[in-house]
Protein backbone atom coordinates (compact mmCIF):
# COMPACT_ATOMS: atom_id res chain seq x y z
CA MET A 1 84.35 263.11 273.76
CA SER A 2 85.06 259.60 274.86
CA GLY A 3 81.81 257.95 275.92
CA SER A 4 79.58 260.17 273.77
CA PHE A 5 77.69 258.61 270.88
CA CYS A 6 79.32 258.90 267.45
CA ASP A 7 82.55 260.23 268.92
CA GLY A 8 84.80 261.92 266.39
CA ARG A 9 87.56 264.45 266.04
CA TYR A 10 85.27 267.33 265.13
CA ASN A 11 82.91 267.24 268.12
CA LEU A 12 82.08 270.54 269.76
CA ALA A 13 81.90 270.42 273.52
CA CYS A 14 80.85 272.68 276.38
CA GLY A 15 82.89 272.76 279.56
CA GLU A 16 86.49 271.85 280.23
CA GLY A 17 88.40 268.75 281.21
CA ALA A 18 86.35 266.02 282.84
CA GLU A 19 83.30 268.34 282.83
CA ALA A 20 83.28 268.71 279.01
CA ARG A 21 80.14 267.39 277.31
CA LYS A 22 79.38 267.02 273.61
CA ILE A 23 76.74 269.35 272.16
CA VAL A 24 77.55 269.06 268.43
CA GLY A 25 78.86 266.19 266.35
CA THR A 26 80.11 266.70 262.83
CA ALA A 27 81.20 264.46 259.99
CA GLN A 28 82.88 265.14 256.68
CA TYR A 29 83.59 263.15 253.54
CA TRP A 30 86.05 264.60 251.02
CA ARG A 31 86.22 263.34 247.45
CA PRO A 32 88.78 264.61 244.92
CA LEU A 33 87.49 265.88 241.59
CA ALA A 34 88.93 264.04 238.61
CA ALA A 35 89.32 267.01 236.29
CA GLY A 36 90.90 270.28 237.34
CA GLY A 37 91.71 269.36 240.91
CA GLY A 38 89.80 270.48 243.94
CA HIS A 39 87.45 268.52 246.12
CA VAL A 40 83.79 267.93 246.76
CA VAL A 41 82.84 267.85 250.44
CA LEU A 42 79.82 266.36 252.14
CA ALA A 43 79.52 267.91 255.60
CA HIS A 44 76.95 267.08 258.24
CA ALA A 45 76.31 268.23 261.80
CA VAL A 46 74.00 267.17 264.60
CA ILE A 47 73.23 269.93 267.07
CA LEU A 48 71.62 268.78 270.31
CA ILE A 49 69.02 271.48 270.90
CA ASP A 50 66.45 269.70 273.06
CA ALA A 51 66.30 265.94 273.39
CA ASP A 52 65.80 263.14 275.87
CA LEU A 53 69.46 262.19 276.11
CA SER A 54 68.76 259.13 278.23
CA ALA A 55 66.41 257.70 275.59
CA ALA A 56 68.81 258.62 272.77
CA HIS A 57 71.68 256.85 274.49
CA GLN A 58 69.55 253.80 275.26
CA ALA A 59 68.66 253.56 271.56
CA ALA A 60 72.29 254.03 270.49
CA ASN A 61 73.48 251.40 272.97
CA ALA A 62 70.80 248.95 271.78
CA PHE A 63 71.90 249.55 268.18
CA GLU A 64 75.55 248.91 269.07
CA ALA A 65 74.55 245.73 270.91
CA GLN A 66 72.65 244.48 267.84
CA LEU A 67 75.82 245.06 265.81
CA GLY A 68 77.80 242.97 268.27
CA SER A 69 79.84 246.02 269.24
CA GLU A 70 81.15 246.51 272.75
CA ARG A 71 80.68 250.29 272.57
CA VAL A 72 78.69 251.83 275.38
CA TYR A 73 77.63 255.47 275.34
CA CYS A 74 76.95 257.57 278.46
CA ALA A 75 74.26 260.25 278.56
CA ASP A 76 76.38 262.33 280.96
CA LYS A 77 78.91 262.85 278.16
CA THR A 78 76.43 264.95 276.17
CA VAL A 79 74.39 268.08 276.80
CA THR A 80 71.61 269.92 274.98
CA LEU A 81 71.27 273.63 274.33
CA ALA A 82 68.07 273.53 276.41
CA GLN A 83 70.05 272.18 279.38
CA LEU A 84 72.64 274.93 279.01
CA LEU A 85 69.97 277.65 278.73
CA PRO A 86 67.22 276.60 281.15
CA GLY A 87 64.16 278.79 280.98
CA GLU A 88 64.90 280.06 277.46
CA ARG A 89 61.72 280.13 275.45
CA HIS A 90 61.25 279.14 271.82
CA LEU A 91 64.76 277.71 271.53
CA LEU A 92 64.26 275.75 268.30
CA PRO A 93 62.65 278.56 266.27
CA ARG A 94 65.16 281.10 267.61
CA PHE A 95 68.07 278.81 266.79
CA SER A 96 66.71 278.07 263.31
CA GLU A 97 66.19 281.76 262.55
CA THR A 98 69.65 282.74 263.78
CA LEU A 99 71.30 279.92 261.82
CA ALA A 100 69.46 280.96 258.64
CA GLN A 101 70.54 284.59 259.13
CA GLU A 102 74.17 283.58 259.65
CA LEU A 103 74.15 281.33 256.58
CA ASP A 104 72.63 284.13 254.47
CA ALA A 105 75.27 286.57 255.74
CA ALA A 106 78.05 284.12 254.85
CA ARG A 107 77.08 284.02 251.16
């Protein structure tokens, strides 16, 4: 999602074309094991459940400016779950519970 903070190839977005907005960003680091092959993977995800996107982007843009970077992030390139589901109550606890159930089921 060009224009979203921490843009990467594994973003998850809602919407299509020019209307697509980032809701999840992921990162991975793969390291080969020395003995016996295989890999160790560090995986990380940020899920935008409910946040002040304007403030988050202001902070990210200030950070980039301090680094001397010319990157500029736009709040309209991201969306939160709360924005997609207006009026839903108890979003964070419901999301956390559902995620825990899905992770348990995947074992």
